Amino acid sequence: MAAEEKGTAALELLLEEEFDRLYERLKREEEKARATVWGGFYRRACALFIDLSVLSLLSFVLFYFTYVGYSVGLAAHHQVLSEENLDVFLFFLLLGWFSLWAGYFVLFHGMGGQTIGKWLLGLKVVGANREPITYGRALTRCVGVLLSAFLGLGFLWVLFNREKRGWHDLLARTWVIRE
């Protein structure tokens, strides 16, 4: 009987030790999963290249429809597109392009934190506690991109910042993380 109790106690001790090891391993894996992996410079640059490619395609479509619409409007007044009315055409084109560009980044970042390029490369724009950003913060980030684009210094800042944040991220209080 005593040998059986010793065997049961030893088995319980062995199971408890195994449970403790399993618990510690799961705890380490959970901590590792919670660790934030920042979106690096090159991955972000590739995502931006993809986004600019999408925007270029959309810009060609915008140019075509603006040209057709403006030409039809001029034809209704028995005019053609010429140097005299080219400035109005270019104004509408520039206004449409800026709206397209800003709308693309603000809408996608505000909806889910990812543009098409970021989605393809597994990146996401988040707030301080990994919460989704608002449309207002996305707009602030979009305006900050104009500041970052000055000589490219704001984008290059990602190379030197520990959290891989550009000037636009610092301004909008956002982070780009890998999912």
N, C-alpha and C. Protein backbone atom coordinates (compact mmCIF):
# COMPACT_ATOMS: atom_id res chain seq x y z
N MET A 1 0.81 -1.18 0.00
CA MET A 1 0.00 0.00 0.00
C MET A 1 0.86 1.26 0.00
N ALA A 2 1.93 1.27 0.82
CA ALA A 2 2.80 2.44 0.92
C ALA A 2 3.54 2.65 -0.40
N ALA A 3 3.92 1.58 -1.07
CA ALA A 3 4.61 1.69 -2.36
C ALA A 3 3.66 2.27 -3.41
N GLU A 4 2.39 1.88 -3.32
CA GLU A 4 1.41 2.39 -4.26
C GLU A 4 1.18 3.90 -4.05
N GLU A 5 1.15 4.33 -2.77
CA GLU A 5 0.97 5.74 -2.46
C GLU A 5 2.19 6.54 -2.92
N LYS A 6 3.40 5.96 -2.74
CA LYS A 6 4.62 6.64 -3.20
C LYS A 6 4.61 6.79 -4.72
N GLY A 7 4.15 5.73 -5.41
CA GLY A 7 4.06 5.78 -6.87
C GLY A 7 3.06 6.82 -7.33
N THR A 8 1.93 6.93 -6.64
CA THR A 8 0.92 7.93 -6.98
C THR A 8 1.44 9.33 -6.71
N ALA A 9 2.12 9.52 -5.59
CA ALA A 9 2.68 10.83 -5.24
C ALA A 9 3.76 11.23 -6.25
N ALA A 10 4.58 10.26 -6.66
CA ALA A 10 5.62 10.55 -7.65
C ALA A 10 5.00 10.91 -9.00
N LEU A 11 3.94 10.20 -9.36
CA LEU A 11 3.25 10.50 -10.61
C LEU A 11 2.62 11.89 -10.56
N GLU A 12 2.00 12.24 -9.42
CA GLU A 12 1.41 13.56 -9.26
C GLU A 12 2.48 14.65 -9.36
N LEU A 13 3.63 14.41 -8.74
CA LEU A 13 4.74 15.37 -8.79
C LEU A 13 5.26 15.51 -10.21
N LEU A 14 5.37 14.41 -10.91
CA LEU A 14 5.83 14.43 -12.29
C LEU A 14 4.83 15.18 -13.18
N LEU A 15 3.54 14.93 -13.00
CA LEU A 15 2.52 15.63 -13.77
C LEU A 15 2.52 17.13 -13.45
N GLU A 16 2.73 17.48 -12.19
CA GLU A 16 2.76 18.89 -11.79
C GLU A 16 3.96 19.60 -12.43
N GLU A 17 5.12 18.93 -12.43
CA GLU A 17 6.31 19.51 -13.06
C GLU A 17 6.10 19.69 -14.56
N GLU A 18 5.49 18.68 -15.19
CA GLU A 18 5.22 18.76 -16.63
C GLU A 18 4.23 19.89 -16.93
N PHE A 19 3.22 20.03 -16.08
CA PHE A 19 2.25 21.11 -16.23
C PHE A 19 2.94 22.47 -16.10
N ASP A 20 3.83 22.60 -15.12
CA ASP A 20 4.56 23.87 -14.93
C ASP A 20 5.42 24.20 -16.15
N ARG A 21 6.10 23.20 -16.70
CA ARG A 21 6.92 23.44 -17.90
C ARG A 21 6.05 23.86 -19.08
N LEU A 22 4.92 23.19 -19.27
CA LEU A 22 4.00 23.54 -20.35
C LEU A 22 3.45 24.95 -20.16
N TYR A 23 3.10 25.29 -18.91
CA TYR A 23 2.58 26.62 -18.62
C TYR A 23 3.63 27.70 -18.93
N GLU A 24 4.85 27.48 -18.54
CA GLU A 24 5.92 28.45 -18.80
C GLU A 24 6.17 28.59 -20.30
N ARG A 25 6.15 27.47 -21.02
CA ARG A 25 6.34 27.53 -22.47
C ARG A 25 5.22 28.32 -23.15
N LEU A 26 3.98 28.06 -22.76
CA LEU A 26 2.86 28.80 -23.32
C LEU A 26 2.93 30.28 -22.97
N LYS A 27 3.38 30.58 -21.77
CA LYS A 27 3.53 31.98 -21.35
C LYS A 27 4.58 32.69 -22.19
N ARG A 28 5.72 32.01 -22.45
CA ARG A 28 6.76 32.60 -23.30
C ARG A 28 6.27 32.82 -24.72
N GLU A 29 5.53 31.85 -25.27
CA GLU A 29 4.98 31.99 -26.62
C GLU A 29 3.96 33.12 -26.70
N GLU A 30 3.17 33.28 -25.65
CA GLU A 30 2.19 34.37 -25.62
C GLU A 30 2.90 35.72 -25.58
N GLU A 31 3.96 35.83 -24.79
CA GLU A 31 4.73 37.08 -24.73
C GLU A 31 5.39 37.38 -26.07
N LYS A 32 5.90 36.34 -26.71
CA LYS A 32 6.52 36.53 -28.01
C LYS A 32 5.49 36.97 -29.04
N ALA A 33 4.28 36.41 -28.97
CA ALA A 33 3.21 36.79 -29.90
C ALA A 33 2.77 38.23 -29.68
N ARG A 34 2.83 38.69 -28.43
CA ARG A 34 2.44 40.06 -28.12
C ARG A 34 3.51 41.07 -28.50
N ALA A 35 4.72 40.61 -28.71
CA ALA A 35 5.81 41.53 -29.07
C ALA A 35 5.50 42.18 -30.41
N THR A 36 5.70 43.47 -30.46
CA THR A 36 5.40 44.22 -31.67
C THR A 36 6.56 44.15 -32.63
N VAL A 37 6.25 43.85 -33.87
CA VAL A 37 7.26 43.86 -34.93
C VAL A 37 6.94 45.06 -35.81
N TRP A 38 7.87 46.00 -35.86
CA TRP A 38 7.65 47.23 -36.61
C TRP A 38 7.78 46.98 -38.10
N GLY A 39 7.03 47.74 -38.86
CA GLY A 39 7.16 47.69 -40.31
C GLY A 39 8.43 48.43 -40.71
N GLY A 40 9.38 47.76 -41.26
CA GLY A 40 10.67 48.36 -41.59
C GLY A 40 10.62 49.24 -42.83
N PHE A 41 11.73 49.92 -43.07
CA PHE A 41 11.84 50.89 -44.15
C PHE A 41 11.58 50.26 -45.51
N TYR A 42 12.23 49.15 -45.81
CA TYR A 42 12.14 48.56 -47.15
C TYR A 42 10.76 47.97 -47.41
N ARG A 43 10.18 47.35 -46.41
CA ARG A 43 8.82 46.79 -46.56
C ARG A 43 7.83 47.93 -46.77
N ARG A 44 8.01 49.02 -46.03
CA ARG A 44 7.12 50.17 -46.19
C ARG A 44 7.33 50.83 -47.55
N ALA A 45 8.57 50.88 -48.01
CA ALA A 45 8.85 51.47 -49.32
C ALA A 45 8.21 50.63 -50.43
N CYS A 46 8.27 49.33 -50.31
CA CYS A 46 7.62 48.46 -51.30
C CYS A 46 6.11 48.64 -51.28
N ALA A 47 5.53 48.77 -50.09
CA ALA A 47 4.08 49.00 -49.99
C ALA A 47 3.72 50.34 -50.63
N LEU A 48 4.55 51.35 -50.43
CA LEU A 48 4.30 52.66 -51.04
C LEU A 48 4.40 52.56 -52.56
N PHE A 49 5.36 51.80 -53.05
CA PHE A 49 5.50 51.61 -54.50
C PHE A 49 4.24 50.97 -55.08
N ILE A 50 3.70 49.97 -54.40
CA ILE A 50 2.47 49.32 -54.85
C ILE A 50 1.32 50.32 -54.84
N ASP A 51 1.22 51.09 -53.75
CA ASP A 51 0.15 52.09 -53.66
C ASP A 51 0.28 53.15 -54.76
N LEU A 52 1.50 53.58 -55.04
CA LEU A 52 1.69 54.57 -56.09
C LEU A 52 1.38 53.99 -57.46
N SER A 53 1.63 52.70 -57.64
CA SER A 53 1.25 52.05 -58.90
C SER A 53 -0.26 52.02 -59.07
N VAL A 54 -0.97 51.68 -57.99
CA VAL A 54 -2.44 51.68 -58.03
C VAL A 54 -2.95 53.09 -58.30
N LEU A 55 -2.36 54.08 -57.62
CA LEU A 55 -2.77 55.47 -57.82
C LEU A 55 -2.45 55.95 -59.23
N SER A 56 -1.37 55.48 -59.82
CA SER A 56 -1.04 55.85 -61.20
C SER A 56 -2.10 55.33 -62.16
N LEU A 57 -2.49 54.10 -61.97
CA LEU A 57 -3.54 53.53 -62.81
C LEU A 57 -4.84 54.32 -62.65
N LEU A 58 -5.21 54.61 -61.42
CA LEU A 58 -6.42 55.39 -61.18
C LEU A 58 -6.29 56.81 -61.73
N SER A 59 -5.07 57.36 -61.72
CA SER A 59 -4.84 58.71 -62.26
C SER A 59 -5.05 58.73 -63.77
N PHE A 60 -4.62 57.68 -64.45
CA PHE A 60 -4.87 57.60 -65.90
C PHE A 60 -6.37 57.57 -66.19
N VAL A 61 -7.10 56.81 -65.40
CA VAL A 61 -8.56 56.75 -65.56
C VAL A 61 -9.17 58.13 -65.27
N LEU A 62 -8.69 58.77 -64.21
CA LEU A 62 -9.17 60.12 -63.87
C LEU A 62 -8.87 61.11 -65.00
N PHE A 63 -7.65 61.04 -65.53
CA PHE A 63 -7.28 61.94 -66.63
C PHE A 63 -8.20 61.73 -67.83
N TYR A 64 -8.45 60.47 -68.17
CA TYR A 64 -9.29 60.17 -69.33
C TYR A 64 -10.69 60.75 -69.15
N PHE A 65 -11.31 60.46 -67.99
CA PHE A 65 -12.67 60.95 -67.77
C PHE A 65 -12.73 62.47 -67.65
N THR A 66 -11.70 63.08 -67.07
CA THR A 66 -11.66 64.54 -66.99
C THR A 66 -11.52 65.13 -68.38
N TYR A 67 -10.66 64.55 -69.19
CA TYR A 67 -10.46 65.03 -70.55
C TYR A 67 -11.74 64.91 -71.37
N VAL A 68 -12.37 63.74 -71.30
CA VAL A 68 -13.60 63.53 -72.06
C VAL A 68 -14.70 64.48 -71.57
N GLY A 69 -14.87 64.58 -70.27
CA GLY A 69 -15.90 65.45 -69.73
C GLY A 69 -15.68 66.91 -70.08
N TYR A 70 -14.44 67.36 -69.96
CA TYR A 70 -14.13 68.76 -70.28
C TYR A 70 -14.29 69.03 -71.78
N SER A 71 -13.85 68.08 -72.60
CA SER A 71 -13.99 68.24 -74.05
C SER A 71 -15.45 68.27 -74.47
N VAL A 72 -16.26 67.42 -73.88
CA VAL A 72 -17.69 67.42 -74.19
C VAL A 72 -18.32 68.74 -73.76
N GLY A 73 -17.93 69.23 -72.57
CA GLY A 73 -18.45 70.51 -72.10
C GLY A 73 -18.05 71.65 -73.02
N LEU A 74 -16.80 71.63 -73.50
CA LEU A 74 -16.36 72.67 -74.43
C LEU A 74 -17.08 72.54 -75.77
N ALA A 75 -17.30 71.31 -76.22
CA ALA A 75 -17.97 71.10 -77.51
C ALA A 75 -19.41 71.60 -77.47
N ALA A 76 -20.02 71.52 -76.29
CA ALA A 76 -21.38 72.03 -76.15
C ALA A 76 -21.44 73.54 -76.37
N HIS A 77 -20.31 74.20 -76.16
CA HIS A 77 -20.21 75.66 -76.38
C HIS A 77 -19.42 75.98 -77.64
N HIS A 78 -19.29 75.00 -78.51
CA HIS A 78 -18.61 75.15 -79.79
C HIS A 78 -17.16 75.60 -79.62
N GLN A 79 -16.47 74.97 -78.66
CA GLN A 79 -15.06 75.26 -78.42
C GLN A 79 -14.29 73.95 -78.39
N VAL A 80 -12.97 74.06 -78.48
CA VAL A 80 -12.09 72.89 -78.36
C VAL A 80 -11.05 73.20 -77.29
N LEU A 81 -10.43 72.15 -76.79
CA LEU A 81 -9.38 72.33 -75.79
C LEU A 81 -8.19 73.01 -76.45
N SER A 82 -7.80 74.16 -75.91
CA SER A 82 -6.68 74.93 -76.48
C SER A 82 -5.87 75.53 -75.33
N GLU A 83 -4.85 76.28 -75.68
CA GLU A 83 -4.00 76.91 -74.67
C GLU A 83 -4.79 77.88 -73.80
N GLU A 84 -5.81 78.51 -74.36
CA GLU A 84 -6.57 79.50 -73.59
C GLU A 84 -7.39 78.87 -72.46
N ASN A 85 -7.90 77.68 -72.67
CA ASN A 85 -8.71 77.06 -71.64
C ASN A 85 -8.02 75.84 -71.01
N LEU A 86 -6.75 75.67 -71.29
CA LEU A 86 -5.99 74.56 -70.72
C LEU A 86 -5.79 74.72 -69.22
N ASP A 87 -5.63 75.96 -68.74
CA ASP A 87 -5.40 76.17 -67.32
C ASP A 87 -6.59 75.70 -66.47
N VAL A 88 -7.80 75.88 -66.94
CA VAL A 88 -8.97 75.40 -66.22
C VAL A 88 -9.00 73.87 -66.21
N PHE A 89 -8.67 73.27 -67.35
CA PHE A 89 -8.61 71.81 -67.43
C PHE A 89 -7.57 71.27 -66.45
N LEU A 90 -6.39 71.88 -66.42
CA LEU A 90 -5.33 71.42 -65.51
C LEU A 90 -5.71 71.64 -64.06
N PHE A 91 -6.44 72.73 -63.77
CA PHE A 91 -6.90 72.97 -62.41
C PHE A 91 -7.84 71.85 -61.96
N PHE A 92 -8.81 71.50 -62.80
CA PHE A 92 -9.73 70.42 -62.46
C PHE A 92 -9.00 69.08 -62.33
N LEU A 93 -8.04 68.86 -63.20
CA LEU A 93 -7.26 67.63 -63.14
C LEU A 93 -6.46 67.55 -61.85
N LEU A 94 -5.80 68.64 -61.49
CA LEU A 94 -5.01 68.68 -60.26
C LEU A 94 -5.89 68.52 -59.03
N LEU A 95 -7.03 69.17 -59.02
CA LEU A 95 -7.97 69.05 -57.91
C LEU A 95 -8.47 67.60 -57.78
N GLY A 96 -8.79 67.00 -58.90
CA GLY A 96 -9.23 65.60 -58.89
C GLY A 96 -8.13 64.66 -58.45
N TRP A 97 -6.90 64.91 -58.91
CA TRP A 97 -5.78 64.04 -58.54
C TRP A 97 -5.48 64.15 -57.05
N PHE A 98 -5.48 65.36 -56.52
CA PHE A 98 -5.21 65.53 -55.09
C PHE A 98 -6.31 64.87 -54.27
N SER A 99 -7.56 65.01 -54.69
CA SER A 99 -8.67 64.36 -53.99
C SER A 99 -8.54 62.84 -54.04
N LEU A 100 -8.14 62.32 -55.19
CA LEU A 100 -7.93 60.88 -55.34
C LEU A 100 -6.83 60.40 -54.41
N TRP A 101 -5.71 61.10 -54.39
CA TRP A 101 -4.56 60.72 -53.57
C TRP A 101 -4.92 60.77 -52.09
N ALA A 102 -5.47 61.89 -51.64
CA ALA A 102 -5.82 62.04 -50.22
C ALA A 102 -6.92 61.06 -49.83
N GLY A 103 -7.92 60.93 -50.69
CA GLY A 103 -9.02 60.01 -50.40
C GLY A 103 -8.56 58.57 -50.28
N TYR A 104 -7.65 58.17 -51.14
CA TYR A 104 -7.13 56.80 -51.12
C TYR A 104 -6.49 56.49 -49.76
N PHE A 105 -5.56 57.34 -49.34
CA PHE A 105 -4.84 57.07 -48.10
C PHE A 105 -5.71 57.28 -46.87
N VAL A 106 -6.51 58.34 -46.83
CA VAL A 106 -7.35 58.60 -45.67
C VAL A 106 -8.42 57.52 -45.54
N LEU A 107 -9.07 57.18 -46.62
CA LEU A 107 -10.13 56.18 -46.57
C LEU A 107 -9.61 54.82 -46.15
N PHE A 108 -8.56 54.35 -46.80
CA PHE A 108 -8.04 53.02 -46.47
C PHE A 108 -7.43 52.96 -45.08
N HIS A 109 -6.68 53.99 -44.67
CA HIS A 109 -6.11 53.97 -43.33
C HIS A 109 -7.18 54.12 -42.27
N GLY A 110 -8.21 54.92 -42.54
CA GLY A 110 -9.29 55.09 -41.58
C GLY A 110 -10.19 53.87 -41.46
N MET A 111 -10.38 53.15 -42.57
CA MET A 111 -11.26 51.97 -42.56
C MET A 111 -10.63 50.80 -41.81
N GLY A 112 -9.41 50.45 -42.17
CA GLY A 112 -8.81 49.27 -41.56
C GLY A 112 -7.33 49.39 -41.28
N GLY A 113 -6.76 50.57 -41.52
CA GLY A 113 -5.34 50.75 -41.25
C GLY A 113 -4.43 50.22 -42.33
N GLN A 114 -5.00 49.80 -43.47
CA GLN A 114 -4.18 49.23 -44.53
C GLN A 114 -4.60 49.74 -45.89
N THR A 115 -3.62 50.15 -46.66
CA THR A 115 -3.84 50.41 -48.07
C THR A 115 -3.65 49.08 -48.80
N ILE A 116 -3.79 49.10 -50.10
CA ILE A 116 -3.60 47.86 -50.85
C ILE A 116 -2.15 47.36 -50.70
N GLY A 117 -1.19 48.26 -50.79
CA GLY A 117 0.21 47.88 -50.63
C GLY A 117 0.51 47.34 -49.25
N LYS A 118 0.00 47.99 -48.22
CA LYS A 118 0.23 47.51 -46.85
C LYS A 118 -0.44 46.15 -46.64
N TRP A 119 -1.62 45.99 -47.21
CA TRP A 119 -2.32 44.72 -47.07
C TRP A 119 -1.52 43.59 -47.72
N LEU A 120 -0.99 43.83 -48.91
CA LEU A 120 -0.22 42.80 -49.61
C LEU A 120 1.07 42.44 -48.87
N LEU A 121 1.65 43.40 -48.16
CA LEU A 121 2.93 43.16 -47.48
C LEU A 121 2.77 42.94 -45.98
N GLY A 122 1.53 42.80 -45.51
CA GLY A 122 1.30 42.46 -44.10
C GLY A 122 1.59 43.59 -43.13
N LEU A 123 1.36 44.83 -43.53
CA LEU A 123 1.58 45.97 -42.66
C LEU A 123 0.24 46.58 -42.26
N LYS A 124 0.23 47.28 -41.14
CA LYS A 124 -0.99 47.93 -40.68
C LYS A 124 -0.62 49.18 -39.89
N VAL A 125 -1.39 50.25 -40.10
CA VAL A 125 -1.21 51.49 -39.35
C VAL A 125 -2.14 51.45 -38.15
N VAL A 126 -1.56 51.63 -36.95
CA VAL A 126 -2.34 51.55 -35.72
C VAL A 126 -2.01 52.74 -34.81
N GLY A 127 -2.85 52.90 -33.79
CA GLY A 127 -2.63 53.92 -32.77
C GLY A 127 -1.76 53.37 -31.65
N ALA A 128 -1.74 54.08 -30.53
CA ALA A 128 -0.82 53.76 -29.43
C ALA A 128 -1.01 52.36 -28.86
N ASN A 129 -2.21 51.90 -28.68
CA ASN A 129 -2.45 50.59 -28.08
C ASN A 129 -2.90 49.57 -29.12
N ARG A 130 -2.38 49.71 -30.31
CA ARG A 130 -2.71 48.85 -31.44
C ARG A 130 -4.18 48.98 -31.85
N GLU A 131 -4.82 50.10 -31.47
CA GLU A 131 -6.20 50.31 -31.86
C GLU A 131 -6.23 50.91 -33.26
N PRO A 132 -7.33 50.70 -33.99
CA PRO A 132 -7.44 51.30 -35.33
C PRO A 132 -7.42 52.83 -35.23
N ILE A 133 -6.93 53.46 -36.27
CA ILE A 133 -6.89 54.92 -36.25
C ILE A 133 -8.19 55.48 -36.83
N THR A 134 -8.49 56.70 -36.43
CA THR A 134 -9.71 57.36 -36.91
C THR A 134 -9.42 58.02 -38.25
N TYR A 135 -10.49 58.47 -38.91
CA TYR A 135 -10.32 59.17 -40.18
C TYR A 135 -9.58 60.50 -39.95
N GLY A 136 -9.83 61.14 -38.82
CA GLY A 136 -9.12 62.38 -38.51
C GLY A 136 -7.63 62.17 -38.36
N ARG A 137 -7.26 61.10 -37.68
CA ARG A 137 -5.84 60.79 -37.53
C ARG A 137 -5.24 60.38 -38.86
N ALA A 138 -6.02 59.69 -39.68
CA ALA A 138 -5.55 59.31 -41.02
C ALA A 138 -5.32 60.56 -41.87
N LEU A 139 -6.19 61.55 -41.74
CA LEU A 139 -6.01 62.81 -42.46
C LEU A 139 -4.77 63.55 -41.97
N THR A 140 -4.56 63.57 -40.66
CA THR A 140 -3.35 64.19 -40.11
C THR A 140 -2.11 63.49 -40.63
N ARG A 141 -2.16 62.17 -40.69
CA ARG A 141 -1.02 61.41 -41.22
C ARG A 141 -0.79 61.73 -42.69
N CYS A 142 -1.88 61.90 -43.45
CA CYS A 142 -1.79 62.22 -44.87
C CYS A 142 -1.14 63.59 -45.08
N VAL A 143 -1.53 64.57 -44.27
CA VAL A 143 -0.91 65.89 -44.35
C VAL A 143 0.56 65.80 -43.92
N GLY A 144 0.83 64.97 -42.94
CA GLY A 144 2.21 64.77 -42.48
C GLY A 144 3.10 64.16 -43.55
N VAL A 145 2.51 63.38 -44.45
CA VAL A 145 3.28 62.80 -45.55
C VAL A 145 3.86 63.91 -46.42
N LEU A 146 3.11 65.00 -46.59
CA LEU A 146 3.62 66.13 -47.37
C LEU A 146 4.87 66.72 -46.69
N LEU A 147 4.86 66.77 -45.37
CA LEU A 147 6.04 67.25 -44.64
C LEU A 147 7.20 66.25 -44.76
N SER A 148 6.87 64.97 -44.65
CA SER A 148 7.89 63.93 -44.76
C SER A 148 8.52 63.89 -46.14
N ALA A 149 7.76 64.28 -47.14
CA ALA A 149 8.25 64.24 -48.51
C ALA A 149 9.28 65.33 -48.79
N PHE A 150 9.36 66.33 -47.92
CA PHE A 150 10.33 67.41 -48.11
C PHE A 150 11.74 66.82 -48.10
N LEU A 151 12.36 66.78 -49.27
CA LEU A 151 13.68 66.19 -49.49
C LEU A 151 13.76 64.71 -49.07
N GLY A 152 12.62 64.10 -48.79
CA GLY A 152 12.60 62.70 -48.39
C GLY A 152 13.09 62.44 -46.98
N LEU A 153 13.38 63.50 -46.24
CA LEU A 153 13.96 63.34 -44.91
C LEU A 153 13.02 62.65 -43.93
N GLY A 154 11.73 62.96 -44.02
CA GLY A 154 10.76 62.34 -43.11
C GLY A 154 10.61 60.86 -43.34
N PHE A 155 10.79 60.43 -44.59
CA PHE A 155 10.74 59.00 -44.89
C PHE A 155 12.03 58.30 -44.46
N LEU A 156 13.16 58.97 -44.66
CA LEU A 156 14.44 58.39 -44.26
C LEU A 156 14.56 58.27 -42.74
N TRP A 157 13.77 59.07 -42.03
CA TRP A 157 13.78 59.01 -40.57
C TRP A 157 13.40 57.62 -40.08
N VAL A 158 12.65 56.88 -40.87
CA VAL A 158 12.24 55.51 -40.52
C VAL A 158 13.49 54.64 -40.32
N LEU A 159 14.54 54.90 -41.08
CA LEU A 159 15.78 54.11 -40.95
C LEU A 159 16.44 54.28 -39.59
N PHE A 160 16.29 55.45 -38.98
CA PHE A 160 17.02 55.76 -37.76
C PHE A 160 16.17 55.68 -36.50
N ASN A 161 14.86 55.67 -36.64
CA ASN A 161 13.97 55.64 -35.49
C ASN A 161 13.85 54.20 -34.98
N ARG A 162 13.92 54.03 -33.67
CA ARG A 162 13.87 52.70 -33.06
C ARG A 162 12.55 52.00 -33.38
N GLU A 163 11.45 52.74 -33.42
CA GLU A 163 10.14 52.16 -33.70
C GLU A 163 9.78 52.24 -35.17
N LYS A 164 10.73 52.62 -36.01
CA LYS A 164 10.54 52.71 -37.47
C LYS A 164 9.39 53.65 -37.83
N ARG A 165 9.38 54.83 -37.21
CA ARG A 165 8.33 55.83 -37.46
C ARG A 165 8.90 56.99 -38.26
N GLY A 166 8.15 57.42 -39.27
CA GLY A 166 8.50 58.60 -40.04
C GLY A 166 7.92 59.84 -39.38
N TRP A 167 8.23 60.99 -39.95
CA TRP A 167 7.71 62.25 -39.38
C TRP A 167 6.19 62.25 -39.38
N HIS A 168 5.59 61.71 -40.44
CA HIS A 168 4.13 61.68 -40.51
C HIS A 168 3.53 60.79 -39.43
N ASP A 169 4.25 59.72 -39.07
CA ASP A 169 3.78 58.86 -37.98
C ASP A 169 3.90 59.57 -36.64
N LEU A 170 4.99 60.29 -36.45
CA LEU A 170 5.17 61.04 -35.20
C LEU A 170 4.11 62.12 -35.06
N LEU A 171 3.82 62.81 -36.15
CA LEU A 171 2.82 63.87 -36.13
C LEU A 171 1.43 63.33 -35.80
N ALA A 172 1.07 62.22 -36.40
CA ALA A 172 -0.28 61.65 -36.23
C ALA A 172 -0.38 60.68 -35.06
N ARG A 173 0.74 60.43 -34.37
CA ARG A 173 0.78 59.46 -33.27
C ARG A 173 0.32 58.08 -33.75
N THR A 174 0.93 57.61 -34.85
CA THR A 174 0.62 56.30 -35.40
C THR A 174 1.90 55.46 -35.48
N TRP A 175 1.70 54.17 -35.61
CA TRP A 175 2.79 53.21 -35.77
C TRP A 175 2.42 52.29 -36.93
N VAL A 176 3.42 51.84 -37.65
CA VAL A 176 3.20 50.84 -38.70
C VAL A 176 3.79 49.54 -38.19
N ILE A 177 2.93 48.53 -38.06
CA ILE A 177 3.37 47.25 -37.52
C ILE A 177 3.17 46.16 -38.55
N ARG A 178 3.90 45.06 -38.34
CA ARG A 178 3.69 43.87 -39.19
C ARG A 178 2.67 42.98 -38.51
N GLU A 179 1.76 42.46 -39.29
CA GLU A 179 0.74 41.57 -38.71
C GLU A 179 1.23 40.15 -38.71
